[in-house]
Structure formats: C-alpha cells, structure tokens
Amino acid sequence: MIDATVDEIEDMQTHSSSEVALKAVDALRAMTEGEYATVDEYLRSLQRNCRALRLANRSHATLYTTMEAVSDTVVEAEPADIGQAKQMTLEAIDAEHQRILSEKSKAAAQASDLLEPGGSYLTLDFSSTLFEAIELAATPEDAPITVYTLESRPRWLGRKMARRLTQVEGVDTHLIIDNASGHMLDRCDRVIVGMTCIVGDTLYNRVGTYPLAATADHAGVPMHAVGARSKVIDDTFIFENEERPASEVSLEPIDGIIIENPAYDATPVSLLTSVVTDEGPLFETAATR
C-alpha cells in the first residue's frame, strides 16, 4: 500500500501540494492494519514509511511537514504497546488531515478579499487554494470576476485551472499563452498565484512565477502569493527542484539539443506585494501601489 502510494505521488505532477499531502497521510492508515512483534518495530516502520512518502516529492513542503508531524507525534509520545501506537497514529493522521483542509479553506477565505466583482486577475498553474478563493468571491448576481490564466506549459496546468473555472458562476475565464503575460497585465488589477513553499526570502512555485513576478513588479501591478502558513518554513527544509522529462517538451529527441524542463523556479519575495495565508497577510514587501 505504502509503496504504491509512493509511486503514485511521484506521478502526481498536476496536483496541488495539499492534495499530495492528503494522499500521503491517508496512506499511513494501512500501517495500523499490519502485524508487528514489538512497539519498537512498529515505530521504526512508521518512521521508515513517513520518510519514503516524504521523499516521493522533495519539493512539497506540505508533504514534508505532514509526514514529520505524524512521525514525531507518535514516536515522541512513547506509546506503551502496539495498540496504543496504532491508535496514536490514527489520531495523528486525522489531526493532520483536518489541519491541511482547515488551513487551505482559511487561506482561501483570506485570499477571497483580494477579489472583487468586476475585477480582473492574472494567474498561472493550478492552485486549489486560489480556486477555492475565486469560488468564494464570485457571485452570479454581481459583475463577473475576470480571470486570465496562463497555459503553464508543458504540463498545461493553467488549462486545468481554466476548465475548473468554467464551472463557477460569476467568472469570465480567459486562457492565454505563457509569453503573453506582459501584454495582458494592463488589463489586470492584480496577479495572484499559489505557492509550493516559502523558505527564507524565496518563494518556490511552478516555473514561470519568477518572470511573471518581475514583469508585474516592473508594470506596477500588485502580485500576491496564497497558501497555508505551514508552507512558510525555516531552513530545516531544503527545497529540491524537479527536472521533468524532456518528452514533455518534445516527443522526439532533437539532435544536438539538450532539453531542460525544470518544474519550479525561485522568486524573491521582495517582488511580491504580499503573502496571504490562513493567518491573514503574512507580510507586505512592496509599497502600496
């Protein structure tokens, strides 16, 4: 079960980091159905499986913090027997599952304040938190919210966002090519993106975020990152970028050309107007525009 989930997480390239973490933490329930000779054997297995799931995607801070929380909660409690260890594991899983969903919903509610009827906004990639924020802000009886979504090649994650937005009443959805962001910014009130994580002074997010942030900053258009406060972490987490297959860019090898296809880029938070979390705006880094 755990091995299958590890493989599945490694292939979850179009899912948000919270969706990946939820998949991983729920997979740990299978451990409580197994047989173990001693408490120590169970705890070692729990630590090993949490580590395997965490390493299945080294770029997702939510996955990292969730697996660490479950492992540390159970191990540090020093359960007296296997039954107690299993019960503690289930309780830790439920707590993390609820925490992820709660933080995501609260962050979406905070981010919805950035969206006004009749406003126009630019985004890229697919952020489940931003999607929920748009759902909360859009009302059929008011002027529609206009959302311009970059394609987010080569995985076309912007198309996923655009398709989902067509199901929301009160939203006018535009899908635009990646290189047109500068052309479209004068139509937009804000740029709003999700976030994979923030480590120190750097926002790590889907590739294309950095040039979009630099362009928005130059054009004087406010840009915000949206996500759970738990995605803003210290240096104990080392972000590792992912090099995606060259076949996503070209189905056939091209003689004499090395194809580079990074999944994420690093954006200085100084280019952002604010970071909005479930605890509210974390900080404002740019002058009010």
Foldseek 3Di string as FASTA:
>chain_A
DLVVLLVVLLVPQQDALLVLLLSLLVVCLVLLVDDDDWPVRSLVVLLVSLVSSCVSAQAFLLSVVLSVQLSCQLVVVPDPTSVVSSVSSVVSSVVSNVVSVLFLLLLLCQCLVVFAAVFEEEEEADDPSVLSNLLVNADQVGHAYEYEYELLPDVRRSVVSQVVCVVRHRYHYHYDYLVCLLVCVVRHQAYEYEFSAAEDQKTKDFPSPAVNLVSCLVVVHAYEYIEAPSRYDYPVRDRDKDWDDPCSVPVDDDPPDDDTRIGIDIHGCLSHQFYGTSVGTPDGNDPDD
